[in-house]
């Protein structure tokens, strides 16, 4: 049986007319699914019983099974979702002063093997479909209540630009006024630096926020941390990011995980200034690393983190230091899934 979310508004309107019902009911159905979070046609109380029965006979409303859920002392919720093929993916809901941000996975596992990330420790299995991505968002939306899910970041397991087609299908529904109606500027795609994907995204006509996992400003070091740099060098990456900024008029955020003994010294800070200095639409988001035993990752001392930040600011860079959320529940990418798969 087909998932009704696979139908566009226009196709659903045609289906309803073929059933003998007015086309305007399609918007009511979309409103129930995307705005009110309905998981069953029986919940759609403003539709005639006959129409609800007809929908039940012809369609389903898919959803994901939550197999584990943890809640942090700061309100962050992390969920493990089971897909139809029994694969496991993660989603995180982060509340903050009347708003809520959902962190979305786009792949089962990851093929890019970044040295500091738990997502790819158990390998890559497959891409998520756009419907599975939408189901993640809807599950997080329900968890955000009584607040609304206002922002989305594609920063969970997987590389979004390696699953470009399905991610963009999902984003079109997420952004649509008849879908989840989340503005493009409230949607962030995080990438390890897939240049063809960045170039395609720049041509989509959407002011989506772009976040780039940088983590080093030297090609040799970045290649050792992120194998993708061997294919797409820093020079090429920065050039494509600047083009994205010009085409979309959006700021680029460069994520920089500080790892003890690797990229948190003065030389690394100086290299970062050389790479990004003078670029008005560049922002550096410093992230203290999460300790991951399997990857031998350690966190720098607090004083070293603050010295690194202070140096960048004095050199004129726009810098933020991420406030870690959900530390007590392993909310970083891949950590909960990795623990679950070890059981």
Protein backbone atom coordinates (compact mmCIF):
# COMPACT_ATOMS: atom_id res chain seq x y z
CA UNK A 1 0.00 0.00 0.00
CA UNK A 2 1.36 3.42 -0.97
CA UNK A 3 2.40 5.99 1.60
CA UNK A 4 0.18 9.02 1.04
CA UNK A 5 3.17 11.29 1.67
CA UNK A 6 4.63 10.04 -1.62
CA UNK A 7 1.89 11.96 -3.46
CA UNK A 8 2.25 15.60 -4.42
CA UNK A 9 -0.62 17.91 -3.55
CA UNK A 10 -1.71 17.96 -7.19
CA UNK A 11 -1.72 14.15 -7.52
CA UNK A 12 -3.63 13.77 -4.26
CA UNK A 13 -6.18 16.30 -5.49
CA UNK A 14 -6.68 14.21 -8.64
CA UNK A 15 -7.02 11.03 -6.58
CA UNK A 16 -9.68 12.60 -4.39
CA UNK A 17 -11.65 13.75 -7.42
CA UNK A 18 -11.48 10.23 -8.86
CA UNK A 19 -12.98 9.02 -5.54
CA UNK A 20 -15.78 11.56 -5.94
CA UNK A 21 -14.57 14.05 -3.30
CA UNK A 22 -13.65 17.74 -3.69
CA UNK A 23 -9.99 18.52 -4.31
CA UNK A 24 -9.77 20.96 -1.39
CA UNK A 25 -9.67 18.02 1.02
CA UNK A 26 -6.07 17.38 -0.13
CA UNK A 27 -4.86 20.44 1.77
CA UNK A 28 -6.77 19.30 4.84
CA UNK A 29 -5.06 15.91 4.65
CA UNK A 30 -1.62 17.52 4.25
CA UNK A 31 -2.38 19.81 7.17
CA UNK A 32 -3.23 16.82 9.38
CA UNK A 33 -0.03 15.00 8.43
CA UNK A 34 2.54 17.79 8.34
CA UNK A 35 1.15 20.38 10.75
CA UNK A 36 -0.76 18.25 13.27
CA UNK A 37 1.35 15.10 13.06
CA UNK A 38 -1.48 12.65 12.34
CA UNK A 39 -0.36 9.03 12.03
CA UNK A 40 -3.77 7.58 11.19
CA UNK A 41 -6.60 8.67 8.89
CA UNK A 42 -9.05 8.11 11.77
CA UNK A 43 -7.56 11.19 13.47
CA UNK A 44 -8.68 13.46 10.62
CA UNK A 45 -11.90 14.50 12.32
CA UNK A 46 -12.93 17.22 9.86
CA UNK A 47 -13.10 14.71 6.98
CA UNK A 48 -16.25 12.72 6.26
CA UNK A 49 -16.14 9.15 7.55
CA UNK A 50 -16.57 7.83 4.02
CA UNK A 51 -13.47 9.71 2.85
CA UNK A 52 -11.45 8.50 5.82
CA UNK A 53 -12.46 4.93 5.01
CA UNK A 54 -11.51 5.43 1.36
CA UNK A 55 -8.11 6.77 2.33
CA UNK A 56 -7.59 3.85 4.72
CA UNK A 57 -8.39 1.40 1.90
CA UNK A 58 -5.93 2.97 -0.55
CA UNK A 59 -3.08 4.50 1.42
CA UNK A 60 -1.03 4.32 4.58
CA UNK A 61 0.84 6.91 6.64
CA UNK A 62 4.33 5.56 7.20
CA UNK A 63 6.32 6.14 10.36
CA UNK A 64 9.46 5.03 12.13
CA UNK A 65 9.68 2.76 15.15
CA UNK A 66 11.54 4.32 18.08
CA UNK A 67 13.71 1.55 19.53
CA UNK A 68 15.56 3.66 22.08
CA UNK A 69 15.21 7.18 23.44
CA UNK A 70 17.33 9.15 25.86
CA UNK A 71 16.63 12.55 27.40
CA UNK A 72 19.39 14.83 28.62
CA UNK A 73 19.24 17.00 31.70
CA UNK A 74 19.25 20.00 29.32
CA UNK A 75 16.10 18.77 27.53
CA UNK A 76 17.85 17.34 24.47
CA UNK A 77 16.23 14.11 23.25
CA UNK A 78 18.04 11.52 21.18
CA UNK A 79 16.17 8.75 19.41
CA UNK A 80 17.12 5.61 17.58
CA UNK A 81 14.74 4.84 14.72
CA UNK A 82 14.28 1.41 13.16
CA UNK A 83 13.64 1.37 9.40
CA UNK A 84 11.66 -1.27 7.50
CA UNK A 85 14.84 -3.21 6.68
CA UNK A 86 15.76 -3.12 10.41
CA UNK A 87 18.53 -0.58 9.85
CA UNK A 88 19.03 1.93 12.66
CA UNK A 89 19.41 5.71 12.33
CA UNK A 90 19.58 8.54 14.86
CA UNK A 91 17.69 11.77 15.31
CA UNK A 92 18.12 14.50 17.92
CA UNK A 93 15.65 17.13 19.13
CA UNK A 94 17.25 20.16 20.79
CA UNK A 95 14.91 22.59 22.60
CA UNK A 96 15.91 26.18 23.28
CA UNK A 97 13.74 29.06 24.55
CA UNK A 98 10.49 28.38 22.74
CA UNK A 99 12.09 26.92 19.63
CA UNK A 100 13.32 23.47 18.77
CA UNK A 101 15.96 22.21 16.35
CA UNK A 102 15.86 18.76 14.80
CA UNK A 103 19.10 17.04 13.80
CA UNK A 104 18.49 14.66 10.90
CA UNK A 105 20.36 11.65 9.53
CA UNK A 106 20.51 11.09 5.77
CA UNK A 107 22.31 7.75 5.47
CA UNK A 108 22.62 4.48 7.36
CA UNK A 109 26.23 4.73 8.42
CA UNK A 110 28.76 6.81 6.52
CA UNK A 111 31.37 6.01 3.88
CA UNK A 112 33.66 9.02 4.42
CA UNK A 113 35.59 7.76 7.44
CA UNK A 114 36.32 11.03 9.25
CA UNK A 115 38.75 10.26 12.03
CA UNK A 116 36.81 12.06 14.76
CA UNK A 117 33.28 10.83 13.97
CA UNK A 118 31.49 7.72 15.27
CA UNK A 119 29.03 7.66 12.36
CA UNK A 120 31.20 5.56 10.07
CA UNK A 121 32.79 3.22 12.61
CA UNK A 122 30.47 0.36 11.62
CA UNK A 123 30.60 1.23 7.91
CA UNK A 124 28.11 2.45 5.33
CA UNK A 125 24.93 0.54 4.48
CA UNK A 126 22.67 2.70 2.31
CA UNK A 127 21.05 6.06 1.63
CA UNK A 128 17.79 7.02 3.28
CA UNK A 129 14.83 7.70 1.01
CA UNK A 130 13.17 11.09 1.10
CA UNK A 131 10.14 9.54 2.83
CA UNK A 132 12.35 8.08 5.58
CA UNK A 133 13.91 11.52 6.04
CA UNK A 134 10.44 13.10 6.27
CA UNK A 135 9.41 10.44 8.80
CA UNK A 136 12.43 11.38 10.93
CA UNK A 137 11.37 15.03 10.85
CA UNK A 138 7.77 14.23 11.76
CA UNK A 139 8.91 12.04 14.67
CA UNK A 140 11.11 14.85 15.99
CA UNK A 141 8.27 17.33 15.50
CA UNK A 142 6.07 15.23 17.79
CA UNK A 143 8.87 15.09 20.36
CA UNK A 144 9.24 18.88 20.28
CA UNK A 145 5.72 19.48 21.64
CA UNK A 146 4.51 21.74 23.18
CA UNK A 147 7.04 23.83 21.22
CA UNK A 148 7.10 23.78 17.46
CA UNK A 149 9.95 22.27 15.45
CA UNK A 150 11.34 25.50 14.00
CA UNK A 151 14.81 24.60 12.66
CA UNK A 152 16.42 21.61 10.99
CA UNK A 153 20.06 20.68 10.63
CA UNK A 154 21.17 17.87 8.35
CA UNK A 155 24.07 17.02 10.65
CA UNK A 156 23.20 13.51 11.78
CA UNK A 157 24.61 10.27 10.47
CA UNK A 158 25.76 10.37 6.85
CA UNK A 159 26.83 12.93 4.27
CA UNK A 160 23.75 14.82 2.97
CA UNK A 161 25.36 15.85 -0.31
CA UNK A 162 26.24 12.19 -1.03
CA UNK A 163 22.47 11.53 -1.00
CA UNK A 164 21.64 14.71 -2.85
CA UNK A 165 18.49 13.74 -4.73
CA UNK A 166 16.61 12.26 -1.78
CA UNK A 167 17.69 15.04 0.57
CA UNK A 168 16.46 17.73 -1.82
CA UNK A 169 13.13 15.94 -2.33
CA UNK A 170 12.69 15.95 1.44
CA UNK A 171 13.72 19.60 1.75
CA UNK A 172 11.16 20.67 -0.87
CA UNK A 173 8.41 19.09 1.26
CA UNK A 174 9.87 20.48 4.48
CA UNK A 175 10.02 23.97 2.96
CA UNK A 176 6.63 23.88 1.22
CA UNK A 177 3.74 25.86 2.74
CA UNK A 178 1.62 22.75 2.21
CA UNK A 179 4.26 20.60 3.92
CA UNK A 180 6.11 21.41 7.11
CA UNK A 181 6.52 25.07 6.11
CA UNK A 182 10.01 25.50 7.60
CA UNK A 183 11.80 28.40 5.92
CA UNK A 184 14.94 27.70 3.90
CA UNK A 185 16.99 29.98 6.14
CA UNK A 186 16.07 27.72 9.05
CA UNK A 187 17.41 24.64 7.27
CA UNK A 188 21.13 23.85 7.44
CA UNK A 189 22.97 21.27 5.38
CA UNK A 190 26.30 20.14 6.77
CA UNK A 191 28.87 18.68 4.40
CA UNK A 192 32.35 17.26 4.64
CA UNK A 193 33.12 19.19 1.45
CA UNK A 194 31.47 17.49 -1.53
CA UNK A 195 32.15 20.23 -4.08
CA UNK A 196 29.74 19.08 -6.86
CA UNK A 197 26.96 18.98 -4.26
CA UNK A 198 27.78 22.48 -3.02
CA UNK A 199 27.69 23.75 -6.60
CA UNK A 200 24.32 22.08 -7.28
CA UNK A 201 22.89 23.41 -4.03
CA UNK A 202 23.89 26.94 -5.01
CA UNK A 203 21.68 26.61 -8.10
CA UNK A 204 18.55 25.39 -6.28
CA UNK A 205 17.16 28.87 -5.66
CA UNK A 206 16.85 28.20 -1.93
CA UNK A 207 18.67 30.21 0.74
CA UNK A 208 19.64 27.11 2.68
CA UNK A 209 22.33 27.57 5.30
CA UNK A 210 25.54 25.74 4.45
CA UNK A 211 27.80 24.33 7.14
CA UNK A 212 31.15 22.86 6.16
CA UNK A 213 33.11 20.42 8.30
CA UNK A 214 36.59 21.95 8.09
CA UNK A 215 38.53 20.81 11.20
CA UNK A 216 41.94 21.75 9.73
CA UNK A 217 43.32 24.54 7.57
CA UNK A 218 46.25 22.54 6.24
CA UNK A 219 45.76 20.00 3.43
CA UNK A 220 47.98 17.31 4.92
CA UNK A 221 46.35 17.48 8.35
CA UNK A 222 42.83 17.72 6.92
CA UNK A 223 43.47 14.72 4.66
CA UNK A 224 44.58 12.69 7.68
CA UNK A 225 41.40 13.69 9.54
CA UNK A 226 39.03 13.67 6.57
CA UNK A 227 39.91 11.43 3.60
CA UNK A 228 37.49 13.44 1.40
CA UNK A 229 40.16 16.18 1.32
CA UNK A 230 42.32 13.95 -0.88
CA UNK A 231 39.68 14.36 -3.60
CA UNK A 232 38.55 17.93 -2.90
CA UNK A 233 41.41 20.11 -1.68
CA UNK A 234 41.03 23.07 0.65
CA UNK A 235 41.70 25.55 -2.16
CA UNK A 236 38.90 24.06 -4.27
CA UNK A 237 36.58 23.78 -1.28
CA UNK A 238 36.99 27.41 -0.18
CA UNK A 239 36.52 28.59 -3.76
CA UNK A 240 33.22 26.68 -4.12
CA UNK A 241 32.04 27.97 -0.72
CA UNK A 242 32.71 31.56 -1.78
CA UNK A 243 30.71 30.96 -4.95
CA UNK A 244 27.86 29.61 -2.83
CA UNK A 245 27.93 32.75 -0.68
CA UNK A 246 27.81 34.99 -3.73
CA UNK A 247 24.90 33.11 -5.34
CA UNK A 248 22.80 32.77 -2.18
CA UNK A 249 23.99 35.78 -0.15
CA UNK A 250 24.29 33.42 2.83
CA UNK A 251 26.99 33.14 5.43
CA UNK A 252 29.02 29.91 5.46
CA UNK A 253 29.67 28.27 8.81
CA UNK A 254 32.90 26.30 9.10
CA UNK A 255 32.69 23.65 11.79
CA UNK A 256 36.00 23.09 13.54
CA UNK A 257 36.24 20.25 16.05
CA UNK A 258 39.11 20.87 18.46
CA UNK A 259 41.06 17.66 19.06
CA UNK A 260 43.81 17.44 21.63
CA UNK A 261 47.27 17.08 20.11
CA UNK A 262 46.07 17.46 16.52
CA UNK A 263 44.50 20.78 15.57
CA UNK A 264 44.14 22.91 18.68
CA UNK A 265 47.57 24.57 18.86
CA UNK A 266 48.67 28.09 17.83
CA UNK A 267 49.99 26.94 14.43
CA UNK A 268 46.56 25.49 13.59
CA UNK A 269 44.89 28.76 14.61
CA UNK A 270 47.30 30.74 12.43
CA UNK A 271 46.59 28.48 9.44
CA UNK A 272 42.85 29.01 9.96
CA UNK A 273 43.30 32.78 9.90
CA UNK A 274 45.30 32.54 6.65
CA UNK A 275 42.57 30.43 5.09
CA UNK A 276 39.50 32.45 6.11
CA UNK A 277 40.80 35.87 7.13
CA UNK A 278 39.10 38.84 5.45
CA UNK A 279 36.05 36.86 4.31
CA UNK A 280 33.02 38.70 5.66
CA UNK A 281 30.55 35.85 5.14
CA UNK A 282 32.66 33.20 6.90
CA UNK A 283 31.97 32.09 10.46
CA UNK A 284 33.97 29.57 12.49
CA UNK A 285 32.07 27.38 14.93
CA UNK A 286 34.50 25.81 17.38
CA UNK A 287 33.39 22.45 18.81
CA UNK A 288 35.21 20.69 21.64
CA UNK A 289 35.60 17.10 20.48
CA UNK A 290 33.60 14.26 21.99
CA UNK A 291 35.79 11.56 23.51
CA UNK A 292 35.44 8.42 21.36
CA UNK A 293 37.46 5.46 22.63
CA UNK A 294 37.26 3.58 19.32
CA UNK A 295 38.85 6.55 17.51
CA UNK A 296 41.26 7.59 20.29
CA UNK A 297 39.86 11.13 20.33
CA UNK A 298 40.57 13.35 23.34
CA UNK A 299 39.24 16.79 24.29
CA UNK A 300 41.68 19.72 24.71
CA UNK A 301 41.96 21.47 28.06
CA UNK A 302 39.39 24.22 28.56
CA UNK A 303 42.11 26.90 28.71
CA UNK A 304 43.51 25.76 25.36
CA UNK A 305 40.06 25.95 23.77
CA UNK A 306 39.59 29.51 25.03
CA UNK A 307 43.08 30.56 23.89
CA UNK A 308 42.36 29.20 20.41
CA UNK A 309 39.08 31.13 20.26
CA UNK A 310 40.66 34.31 21.59
CA UNK A 311 43.41 34.24 18.95
CA UNK A 312 40.93 33.88 16.08
CA UNK A 313 38.78 36.72 17.39
CA UNK A 314 41.78 39.02 17.76
CA UNK A 315 42.63 38.32 14.12
CA UNK A 316 39.16 39.45 13.04
CA UNK A 317 37.38 36.15 12.45
CA UNK A 318 33.71 35.69 13.35
CA UNK A 319 33.89 32.90 15.94
CA UNK A 320 31.43 31.01 18.11
CA UNK A 321 32.09 28.26 20.64
CA UNK A 322 29.38 25.64 20.52
CA UNK A 323 27.61 24.97 23.77
CA UNK A 324 27.53 21.23 23.96
CA UNK A 325 24.07 19.74 24.28
CA UNK A 326 23.15 16.23 25.36
CA UNK A 327 26.63 15.31 26.58
CA UNK A 328 25.16 13.03 29.24
CA UNK A 329 23.30 10.96 26.61
CA UNK A 330 26.01 10.66 23.90
CA UNK A 331 24.19 13.05 21.55
CA UNK A 332 27.06 13.41 19.07
CA UNK A 333 26.67 11.79 15.64
CA UNK A 334 26.73 8.01 15.69
CA UNK A 335 27.47 7.54 19.38
CA UNK A 336 24.11 6.14 20.48
CA UNK A 337 23.78 3.98 17.36
CA UNK A 338 27.28 2.61 17.87
CA UNK A 339 26.47 1.71 21.46
CA UNK A 340 23.19 0.08 20.45
CA UNK A 341 24.85 -2.06 17.75
CA UNK A 342 27.44 -3.31 20.26
CA UNK A 343 24.71 -4.84 22.44
